[in-house]
Amino acid sequence: MENTKYAVGLDIGTTKIVAMIGRENDYGKIEILGIGKSKSLGVHRGVVNNITQTIQSIQQAVQEAESVSGLKIHDCVVGIAGQHIRSLQHSDYITRSDSEEVISDIDLDKLCNQVYKLVMLPGEEIIHVLPQEYKVDGQAEIKEPIGMYGGRLEANFHVVVGQVSSIRNIGRCVKSSGLDLAGITLEPLAAANAVLSQEEKEAGVALIDIGGGTTDLAIFKDGIIRHTAVIPFGGNVVTEDIKEGCSIIEKQAELLKIKFGSAWPGENKDNEIVSIPGLRGREPKEITLKNLSKIIHARVVEIIEQVYMEIKNYGHEDQKKKLIAGIVLTGGGSQLKHLKQLVEYITGMDTRIGYPNEHLAGDSDAEVASPVYATAVGLVMNAIQQQKKNGVKTVEKEPQPTSEEKEETENIEHNQTEPQPTEPPRERKSFLEKWSEKLKDFLDNAE
């Protein structure tokens, strides 16, 4: 038990912040050891707009996770989303000096680093560089060029771009909460890892993660991520509409949406009425469920149509790019009644609700397998993968390690900065890990 590694995912959302501690069991499934969640106060549409409040919310979630699991959290993998995220397609090539040598990791790194030098808009920076397919000397559709001969190596890339300041603010909040940043992941990618099967990614699927402040989209085809987008609307705008349409306070609007809300207005009869207590001695308000679902329907249709437009932008109508597995809905907003039917009606695509239970251990708590925690589970999976790469503990049992162990981990961390001769050649740092390191350096220097 002492040697078991634990991993932590931190999902900083618009409505809630979730800290989740997990580990991989002997069967390769994820065992969740503790969850802490707190109301997210300083985040608006996925972007931090109040550092102090966000730090307090993170600390609250982390403390709760620590007390549930009896473990101490040191670092975490953080998810980023927000309306500043955009993606683009880019192709690039390198000419190799010696075509008599086989293509190696060094060539792929060189090609990736070239994409990294792309000139972005002011204040933007590349977060992920995801290779799609390679071409070697004009031979197309190569998924893995390592070991092949060739003079010209080309690739198509899916490049995810975000605002530097927004990402640094998240980094600052995590650091000020007393945690180290083990890595950064795009939230739709984390959610996709948790709820999609490999078959769906091969067949072609669109993952729609409906959160409080944003709706994230990730499209996969042939097992490769093809398109990502963040739409700056989520469950909160639906609550806002109910609040204004029914002239009630936000807390009541949120409860109404969860308990009685439906995305399909035809469901409710005209005489179904909910009575809401009035404020401070005022008369109670009566609201018809038909009216409520009309308000919800109007806004949800708008969100789905925007997402569908992004799916069309990817080229879903094209026979080669068809998404055979249709749509998977996840996130807190996906629990709205009759949403699945409405999405099928608008898009004409097969739809299912995505639960993050495929990768969870059999005895996991039912609450964890809810779509609400899809991103957090994905971030824990991501943290476990990163640990496997560099073999560093994320969480330790109290008491603290001995001085000898400390020395050992310091040596490991020290060695990580230098290429290790014993490492297999495929263990190269992903582009995002290098970027995370740059961000860590920036935050350390800013202090």
Protein backbone atom coordinates (compact mmCIF):
# COMPACT_ATOMS: atom_id res chain seq x y z
CA MET A 1 0.00 0.00 0.00
CA GLU A 2 2.83 2.38 0.88
CA ASN A 3 4.36 2.11 -2.60
CA THR A 4 1.07 2.73 -4.40
CA LYS A 5 1.02 5.93 -6.37
CA TYR A 6 -1.90 8.30 -6.04
CA ALA A 7 -2.92 10.88 -8.59
CA VAL A 8 -4.94 14.07 -8.27
CA GLY A 9 -7.12 15.86 -10.81
CA LEU A 10 -8.36 19.39 -10.20
CA ASP A 11 -11.35 20.50 -12.27
CA ILE A 12 -11.76 24.26 -11.99
CA GLY A 13 -15.26 24.83 -13.35
CA THR A 14 -17.63 27.76 -13.44
CA THR A 15 -20.12 26.29 -10.96
CA LYS A 16 -17.93 23.94 -8.92
CA ILE A 17 -14.32 23.06 -8.23
CA VAL A 18 -13.60 19.35 -7.83
CA ALA A 19 -10.44 17.80 -6.38
CA MET A 20 -10.33 14.05 -7.01
CA ILE A 21 -7.76 11.58 -5.69
CA GLY A 22 -7.42 8.24 -7.44
CA ARG A 23 -5.05 5.38 -8.14
CA GLU A 24 -4.82 2.57 -10.63
CA ASN A 25 -5.70 -0.86 -9.29
CA ASP A 26 -4.17 -4.20 -10.35
CA TYR A 27 -6.64 -4.51 -13.23
CA GLY A 28 -5.76 -1.13 -14.75
CA LYS A 29 -9.01 0.47 -13.55
CA ILE A 30 -9.20 3.74 -11.62
CA GLU A 31 -10.07 3.54 -7.91
CA ILE A 32 -11.35 6.85 -6.51
CA LEU A 33 -10.08 7.40 -2.97
CA GLY A 34 -11.52 10.79 -2.20
CA ILE A 35 -13.50 13.66 -3.73
CA GLY A 36 -13.77 17.21 -2.50
CA LYS A 37 -15.95 19.82 -4.11
CA SER A 38 -16.68 23.44 -3.41
CA LYS A 39 -18.76 26.17 -4.99
CA SER A 40 -16.71 27.98 -7.59
CA LEU A 41 -16.89 31.67 -6.78
CA GLY A 42 -14.11 33.37 -8.74
CA VAL A 43 -14.60 31.75 -12.17
CA HIS A 44 -16.76 33.07 -15.01
CA ARG A 45 -17.24 31.01 -18.18
CA GLY A 46 -14.18 28.91 -17.43
CA VAL A 47 -11.92 31.95 -16.86
CA VAL A 48 -10.66 33.11 -13.45
CA ASN A 49 -11.96 36.60 -12.67
CA ASN A 50 -11.27 36.69 -8.92
CA ILE A 51 -7.97 35.16 -7.79
CA THR A 52 -8.65 35.32 -4.01
CA GLN A 53 -12.05 33.62 -4.21
CA THR A 54 -10.75 30.94 -6.59
CA ILE A 55 -7.84 30.14 -4.23
CA GLN A 56 -10.29 29.77 -1.31
CA SER A 57 -12.55 27.47 -3.35
CA ILE A 58 -9.59 25.32 -4.45
CA GLN A 59 -8.34 25.03 -0.85
CA GLN A 60 -11.81 24.05 0.36
CA ALA A 61 -12.13 21.30 -2.28
CA VAL A 62 -8.60 20.03 -1.60
CA GLN A 63 -9.14 19.94 2.18
CA GLU A 64 -12.36 17.98 1.74
CA ALA A 65 -10.66 15.45 -0.57
CA GLU A 66 -7.79 15.11 1.92
CA SER A 67 -10.09 14.53 4.90
CA VAL A 68 -12.19 11.94 3.01
CA SER A 69 -9.14 9.98 1.83
CA GLY A 70 -6.72 10.57 4.73
CA LEU A 71 -4.03 11.53 2.21
CA LYS A 72 -2.03 14.72 1.70
CA ILE A 73 -2.14 16.33 -1.75
CA HIS A 74 1.06 17.88 -3.10
CA ASP A 75 0.44 18.39 -6.78
CA CYS A 76 -2.30 17.95 -9.34
CA VAL A 77 -3.19 17.94 -13.02
CA VAL A 78 -5.44 20.91 -13.81
CA GLY A 79 -8.02 21.15 -16.56
CA ILE A 80 -8.41 24.34 -18.57
CA ALA A 81 -11.39 25.47 -20.61
CA GLY A 82 -12.94 28.84 -21.25
CA GLN A 83 -14.08 30.89 -24.19
CA HIS A 84 -10.50 31.92 -25.02
CA ILE A 85 -9.68 28.41 -26.27
CA ARG A 86 -9.67 27.92 -30.03
CA SER A 87 -8.19 25.35 -32.36
CA LEU A 88 -6.74 25.39 -35.86
CA GLN A 89 -5.38 22.97 -38.41
CA HIS A 90 -1.82 23.40 -39.58
CA SER A 91 0.53 21.36 -41.75
CA ASP A 92 4.30 21.56 -41.63
CA TYR A 93 7.31 19.64 -42.89
CA ILE A 94 11.02 19.17 -42.30
CA THR A 95 13.69 18.07 -44.77
CA ARG A 96 16.00 15.53 -43.18
CA SER A 97 19.72 15.92 -43.78
CA ASP A 98 20.33 12.19 -44.05
CA SER A 99 17.60 10.16 -45.73
CA GLU A 100 19.72 7.00 -45.28
CA GLU A 101 18.93 7.07 -41.55
CA VAL A 102 15.53 5.96 -40.25
CA ILE A 103 13.10 8.52 -38.86
CA SER A 104 13.42 8.81 -35.09
CA ASP A 105 11.85 10.67 -32.16
CA ILE A 106 14.30 13.50 -32.71
CA ASP A 107 12.76 14.17 -36.14
CA LEU A 108 9.21 14.16 -34.73
CA ASP A 109 10.28 16.52 -31.95
CA LYS A 110 11.93 18.82 -34.46
CA LEU A 111 8.72 18.90 -36.52
CA CYS A 112 6.57 19.57 -33.42
CA ASN A 113 8.89 22.33 -32.24
CA GLN A 114 8.57 23.97 -35.62
CA VAL A 115 4.77 24.16 -35.19
CA TYR A 116 5.34 25.63 -31.75
CA LYS A 117 7.04 28.62 -33.38
CA LEU A 118 3.87 29.58 -35.26
CA VAL A 119 3.08 33.25 -34.84
CA MET A 120 -0.08 33.63 -32.74
CA LEU A 121 -2.27 36.64 -32.05
CA PRO A 122 -0.97 38.92 -29.27
CA GLY A 123 -1.50 37.32 -25.83
CA GLU A 124 -2.13 33.84 -27.23
CA GLU A 125 -0.02 30.76 -26.84
CA ILE A 126 -0.13 27.20 -28.14
CA ILE A 127 -1.35 24.70 -25.50
CA HIS A 128 -1.51 21.39 -27.40
CA VAL A 129 0.10 20.31 -30.66
CA LEU A 130 -1.62 17.08 -31.68
CA PRO A 131 -0.25 15.29 -34.79
CA GLN A 132 -2.97 13.86 -37.04
CA GLU A 133 -1.26 11.97 -39.87
CA TYR A 134 2.22 12.00 -41.26
CA LYS A 135 3.52 11.94 -44.83
CA VAL A 136 6.94 10.57 -45.71
CA ASP A 137 8.27 11.55 -49.13
CA GLY A 138 4.71 12.14 -50.34
CA GLN A 139 3.36 8.81 -49.05
CA ALA A 140 0.24 9.83 -47.13
CA GLU A 141 -1.84 8.49 -44.23
CA ILE A 142 1.03 7.25 -42.07
CA LYS A 143 0.12 7.06 -38.38
CA GLU A 144 3.56 6.16 -37.01
CA PRO A 145 6.57 7.16 -39.16
CA ILE A 146 9.27 6.06 -36.68
CA GLY A 147 11.62 3.50 -38.21
CA MET A 148 10.82 4.45 -41.81
CA TYR A 149 13.26 5.85 -44.36
CA GLY A 150 12.59 9.20 -46.00
CA GLY A 151 13.98 12.64 -46.73
CA ARG A 152 10.89 14.80 -46.26
CA LEU A 153 8.69 14.34 -43.20
CA GLU A 154 5.33 16.14 -43.26
CA ALA A 155 2.42 16.17 -40.80
CA ASN A 156 -1.00 17.68 -40.28
CA PHE A 157 -1.46 19.08 -36.79
CA HIS A 158 -4.43 19.98 -34.65
CA VAL A 159 -3.23 23.02 -32.72
CA VAL A 160 -5.09 24.19 -29.60
CA VAL A 161 -4.51 27.83 -28.67
CA GLY A 162 -5.40 29.71 -25.48
CA GLN A 163 -4.83 33.04 -23.80
CA VAL A 164 -1.58 33.18 -21.88
CA SER A 165 -2.96 35.39 -19.10
CA SER A 166 -5.94 33.09 -18.42
CA ILE A 167 -3.73 30.02 -18.17
CA ARG A 168 -1.18 31.80 -15.97
CA ASN A 169 -3.97 32.96 -13.66
CA ILE A 170 -5.09 29.35 -13.17
CA GLY A 171 -1.45 28.39 -12.52
CA ARG A 172 -1.13 31.19 -9.99
CA CYS A 173 -4.33 30.07 -8.15
CA VAL A 174 -3.11 26.46 -7.92
CA LYS A 175 0.32 27.53 -6.68
CA SER A 176 -1.11 29.97 -4.14
CA SER A 177 -3.35 27.17 -2.83
CA GLY A 178 -0.17 25.38 -1.79
CA LEU A 179 -0.12 22.85 -4.65
CA ASP A 180 2.37 22.17 -7.43
CA LEU A 181 1.23 22.06 -11.02
CA ALA A 182 1.92 18.56 -12.36
CA GLY A 183 0.37 19.31 -15.73
CA ILE A 184 -2.31 21.11 -17.71
CA THR A 185 -4.90 19.42 -19.92
CA LEU A 186 -7.65 20.74 -22.11
CA GLU A 187 -10.90 19.80 -20.32
CA PRO A 188 -12.74 18.38 -23.38
CA LEU A 189 -9.77 16.02 -23.91
CA ALA A 190 -9.91 14.90 -20.26
CA ALA A 191 -13.67 14.32 -20.41
CA ALA A 192 -13.24 12.40 -23.70
CA ASN A 193 -10.70 10.07 -22.07
CA ALA A 194 -13.15 9.31 -19.29
CA VAL A 195 -16.36 8.65 -21.25
CA LEU A 196 -15.46 7.56 -24.80
CA SER A 197 -14.47 4.07 -25.85
CA GLN A 198 -11.69 3.43 -28.36
CA GLU A 199 -14.26 2.03 -30.85
CA GLU A 200 -16.22 5.29 -30.73
CA LYS A 201 -13.08 7.33 -31.34
CA GLU A 202 -12.28 5.13 -34.34
CA ALA A 203 -15.80 5.28 -35.79
CA GLY A 204 -16.07 9.05 -35.35
CA VAL A 205 -17.77 10.73 -32.41
CA ALA A 206 -18.51 14.22 -31.07
CA LEU A 207 -18.23 14.67 -27.31
CA ILE A 208 -20.32 17.54 -25.95
CA ASP A 209 -19.49 18.46 -22.35
CA ILE A 210 -22.17 20.84 -21.03
CA GLY A 211 -20.79 22.61 -17.98
CA GLY A 212 -22.07 25.56 -15.99
CA GLY A 213 -20.29 28.32 -17.91
CA THR A 214 -19.15 26.69 -21.14
CA THR A 215 -20.02 23.86 -23.50
CA ASP A 216 -16.91 22.03 -24.72
CA LEU A 217 -16.72 20.03 -27.92
CA ALA A 218 -14.15 17.42 -28.95
CA ILE A 219 -14.47 15.49 -32.22
CA PHE A 220 -12.61 12.23 -32.84
CA LYS A 221 -12.29 10.20 -36.03
CA ASP A 222 -9.98 7.22 -36.77
CA GLY A 223 -8.85 7.37 -33.15
CA ILE A 224 -7.42 10.88 -33.56
CA ILE A 225 -8.71 14.20 -32.20
CA ARG A 226 -9.89 16.24 -35.19
CA HIS A 227 -11.59 19.33 -33.83
CA THR A 228 -12.05 21.12 -30.50
CA ALA A 229 -14.17 24.14 -29.62
CA VAL A 230 -15.42 25.91 -26.51
CA ILE A 231 -18.84 27.60 -26.71
CA PRO A 232 -19.28 30.31 -24.05
CA PHE A 233 -22.73 29.10 -22.89
CA GLY A 234 -23.71 26.37 -20.47
CA GLY A 235 -26.23 25.45 -17.79
CA ASN A 236 -25.91 28.84 -16.08
CA VAL A 237 -27.53 30.76 -18.93
CA VAL A 238 -30.52 28.40 -18.74
CA THR A 239 -30.81 29.16 -15.00
CA GLU A 240 -30.48 32.88 -15.76
CA ASP A 241 -33.32 32.68 -18.30
CA ILE A 242 -35.59 30.88 -15.79
CA LYS A 243 -34.73 33.49 -13.17
CA GLU A 244 -35.69 36.36 -15.45
CA GLY A 245 -38.60 34.65 -17.20
CA CYS A 246 -40.28 33.66 -13.94
CA SER A 247 -39.07 36.63 -11.81
CA ILE A 248 -37.57 34.43 -9.09
CA ILE A 249 -34.19 34.29 -7.36
CA GLU A 250 -31.28 32.28 -8.78
CA LYS A 251 -31.34 29.56 -6.11
CA GLN A 252 -35.00 28.83 -6.85
CA ALA A 253 -34.38 28.91 -10.61
CA GLU A 254 -31.57 26.34 -10.28
CA LEU A 255 -33.77 24.04 -8.16
CA LEU A 256 -36.66 24.38 -10.60
CA LYS A 257 -34.37 23.45 -13.51
CA ILE A 258 -32.97 20.38 -11.75
CA LYS A 259 -36.24 19.06 -10.28
CA PHE A 260 -38.87 19.95 -12.86
CA GLY A 261 -36.96 21.17 -15.92
CA SER A 262 -37.33 19.50 -19.29
CA ALA A 263 -35.87 20.37 -22.69
CA TRP A 264 -39.03 19.17 -24.46
CA PRO A 265 -42.07 21.48 -23.97
CA GLY A 266 -44.64 18.99 -25.33
CA GLU A 267 -44.09 16.79 -22.28
CA ASN A 268 -45.96 18.92 -19.76
CA LYS A 269 -49.70 19.42 -19.53
CA ASP A 270 -51.07 22.94 -19.16
CA ASN A 271 -52.43 22.32 -15.68
CA GLU A 272 -49.12 21.20 -14.09
CA ILE A 273 -48.12 23.97 -11.71
CA VAL A 274 -45.28 24.48 -9.21
CA SER A 275 -45.72 26.86 -6.30
CA ILE A 276 -42.63 28.78 -5.19
CA PRO A 277 -42.53 30.46 -1.77
CA GLY A 278 -42.50 34.24 -1.94
CA LEU A 279 -39.70 36.34 -0.48
CA ARG A 280 -40.12 37.62 3.07
CA GLY A 281 -43.87 37.40 3.59
CA ARG A 282 -44.83 37.92 -0.06
CA GLU A 283 -47.38 35.75 -1.82
CA PRO A 284 -46.07 32.46 -3.28
CA LYS A 285 -45.55 32.37 -7.07
CA GLU A 286 -47.20 29.82 -9.31
CA ILE A 287 -45.30 28.69 -12.39
CA THR A 288 -46.63 26.28 -15.02
CA LEU A 289 -44.23 23.51 -15.99
CA LYS A 290 -45.12 24.08 -19.65
CA ASN A 291 -43.86 27.64 -19.38
CA LEU A 292 -40.72 26.47 -17.60
CA SER A 293 -39.86 23.93 -20.25
CA LYS A 294 -40.50 26.51 -23.02
CA ILE A 295 -37.91 28.82 -21.44
CA ILE A 296 -35.40 25.95 -21.09
CA HIS A 297 -36.12 24.63 -24.60
CA ALA A 298 -35.43 27.99 -26.27
CA ARG A 299 -31.99 28.37 -24.70
CA VAL A 300 -30.95 24.72 -25.03
CA VAL A 301 -31.83 24.73 -28.74
CA GLU A 302 -29.56 27.74 -29.16
CA ILE A 303 -26.64 25.95 -27.45
CA ILE A 304 -27.14 22.73 -29.46
CA GLU A 305 -27.35 24.65 -32.74
CA GLN A 306 -24.05 26.39 -32.00
CA VAL A 307 -22.42 23.04 -31.25
CA TYR A 308 -23.93 21.53 -34.40
CA MET A 309 -22.50 24.40 -36.42
CA GLU A 310 -19.03 23.50 -35.08
CA ILE A 311 -19.63 19.83 -36.03
CA LYS A 312 -20.52 20.99 -39.55
CA ASN A 313 -17.40 23.21 -39.63
CA TYR A 314 -15.34 20.10 -38.97
CA GLY A 315 -16.94 18.61 -42.10
CA HIS A 316 -19.39 16.06 -40.72
CA GLU A 317 -21.42 16.17 -43.97
CA ASP A 318 -18.41 14.85 -45.92
CA GLN A 319 -18.66 11.07 -46.35
CA LYS A 320 -15.05 10.47 -45.23
CA LYS A 321 -15.48 12.57 -42.09
CA LYS A 322 -18.85 11.15 -41.05
CA LEU A 323 -19.25 10.61 -37.30
CA ILE A 324 -20.67 7.08 -37.23
CA ALA A 325 -20.88 6.89 -33.42
CA GLY A 326 -22.85 10.16 -33.31
CA ILE A 327 -22.84 12.35 -30.20
CA VAL A 328 -21.98 11.67 -26.55
CA LEU A 329 -23.33 14.17 -23.99
CA THR A 330 -21.62 14.59 -20.64
CA GLY A 331 -21.13 17.20 -17.89
CA GLY A 332 -23.69 18.44 -15.37
CA GLY A 333 -25.90 19.97 -18.09
CA SER A 334 -26.36 16.60 -19.80
CA GLN A 335 -28.65 15.48 -16.95
CA LEU A 336 -31.47 17.75 -18.12
CA LYS A 337 -34.58 15.67 -18.84
CA HIS A 338 -35.24 14.83 -22.52
CA LEU A 339 -32.04 16.55 -23.66
CA LYS A 340 -30.87 13.39 -25.49
CA GLN A 341 -34.09 13.32 -27.54
CA LEU A 342 -33.80 17.02 -28.38
CA VAL A 343 -30.19 16.64 -29.56
CA GLU A 344 -31.17 13.68 -31.75
CA TYR A 345 -34.08 15.70 -33.17
CA ILE A 346 -31.94 18.76 -34.03
CA THR A 347 -28.84 16.99 -35.34
CA GLY A 348 -30.27 13.73 -36.67
CA MET A 349 -27.31 11.93 -35.03
CA ASP A 350 -27.36 9.00 -32.59
CA THR A 351 -26.90 10.33 -29.05
CA ARG A 352 -26.11 8.82 -25.68
CA ILE A 353 -25.28 10.20 -22.23
CA GLY A 354 -21.62 9.63 -21.31
CA TYR A 355 -20.86 8.23 -17.84
CA PRO A 356 -17.22 7.98 -16.73
CA ASN A 357 -17.73 4.41 -15.46
CA GLU A 358 -15.86 2.53 -18.19
CA HIS A 359 -12.46 3.17 -16.58
CA LEU A 360 -13.62 3.11 -12.95
CA ALA A 361 -13.15 0.14 -10.61
CA GLY A 362 -16.27 -1.97 -10.08
CA ASP A 363 -16.79 -0.98 -6.46
CA SER A 364 -16.74 2.77 -7.15
CA ASP A 365 -19.32 4.99 -5.54
CA ALA A 366 -22.36 5.59 -7.81
CA GLU A 367 -21.93 9.35 -7.32
CA VAL A 368 -18.48 9.29 -8.99
CA ALA A 369 -19.90 7.66 -12.11
CA SER A 370 -22.13 10.69 -12.72
CA PRO A 371 -21.54 12.81 -15.87
CA VAL A 372 -20.85 15.73 -13.48
CA TYR A 373 -17.47 14.17 -12.63
CA ALA A 374 -16.46 13.14 -16.17
CA THR A 375 -13.77 15.81 -16.48
CA ALA A 376 -12.38 15.17 -12.97
CA VAL A 377 -12.09 11.41 -13.67
CA GLY A 378 -10.35 12.22 -16.98
CA LEU A 379 -7.89 14.49 -15.18
CA VAL A 380 -7.07 11.74 -12.64
CA MET A 381 -6.44 9.35 -15.56
CA ASN A 382 -4.20 11.95 -17.13
CA ALA A 383 -2.29 12.42 -13.85
CA ILE A 384 -1.77 8.63 -13.59
CA GLN A 385 -0.39 8.53 -17.16
CA GLN A 386 2.01 11.37 -16.38
CA GLN A 387 3.17 9.59 -13.22
CA LYS A 388 3.91 6.44 -15.20
CA LYS A 389 6.14 8.54 -17.45
CA ASN A 390 8.19 10.13 -14.70
CA GLY A 391 7.59 7.94 -11.65
CA VAL A 392 6.96 10.69 -9.09
CA LYS A 393 4.49 10.40 -6.20
CA THR A 394 1.62 12.86 -6.22
CA VAL A 395 0.24 12.23 -2.76
CA GLU A 396 1.77 10.72 0.31
CA LYS A 397 0.33 9.11 3.39
CA GLU A 398 1.02 10.97 6.60
CA PRO A 399 3.70 10.74 8.11
CA GLN A 400 6.10 12.51 5.73
CA PRO A 401 8.90 10.56 3.95
CA THR A 402 12.30 10.01 5.55
CA SER A 403 15.29 12.16 4.59
CA GLU A 404 16.70 9.29 2.49
CA GLU A 405 13.47 9.03 0.47
CA LYS A 406 13.43 12.80 0.03
CA GLU A 407 16.98 12.68 -1.32
CA GLU A 408 15.95 9.93 -3.71
CA THR A 409 12.94 11.85 -5.09
CA GLU A 410 15.08 14.97 -5.43
CA ASN A 411 17.51 12.92 -7.49
CA ILE A 412 14.67 11.64 -9.66
CA GLU A 413 13.37 15.16 -10.19
CA HIS A 414 16.89 16.39 -10.89
CA ASN A 415 17.49 13.66 -13.43
CA GLN A 416 14.26 14.37 -15.23
CA THR A 417 15.67 17.56 -16.68
CA GLU A 418 18.45 15.59 -18.37
CA PRO A 419 17.82 12.93 -21.03
CA GLN A 420 18.21 9.54 -19.38
CA PRO A 421 20.16 7.02 -21.43
CA THR A 422 18.21 4.09 -19.98
CA GLU A 423 14.80 5.46 -21.02
CA PRO A 424 13.15 3.82 -24.02
CA PRO A 425 13.09 6.23 -27.00
CA ARG A 426 9.25 6.60 -26.98
CA GLU A 427 9.28 8.19 -23.50
CA ARG A 428 9.68 11.67 -24.88
CA LYS A 429 8.00 14.60 -23.20
CA SER A 430 4.73 15.56 -24.77
CA PHE A 431 4.52 19.06 -26.04
CA LEU A 432 2.16 20.03 -23.23
CA GLU A 433 4.54 18.78 -20.53
CA LYS A 434 7.29 21.05 -21.87
CA TRP A 435 4.80 23.90 -21.89
CA SER A 436 3.74 23.12 -18.29
CA GLU A 437 7.38 23.30 -17.26
CA LYS A 438 7.70 26.72 -18.89
CA LEU A 439 4.62 27.88 -16.99
CA LYS A 440 6.04 26.52 -13.72
CA ASP A 441 9.27 28.44 -14.30
CA PHE A 442 7.29 31.58 -15.05
CA LEU A 443 5.25 31.27 -11.84
CA ASP A 444 8.36 30.56 -9.75
CA ASN A 445 10.11 33.63 -11.13
CA ALA A 446 7.03 35.79 -10.60
CA GLU A 447 7.09 35.15 -6.86
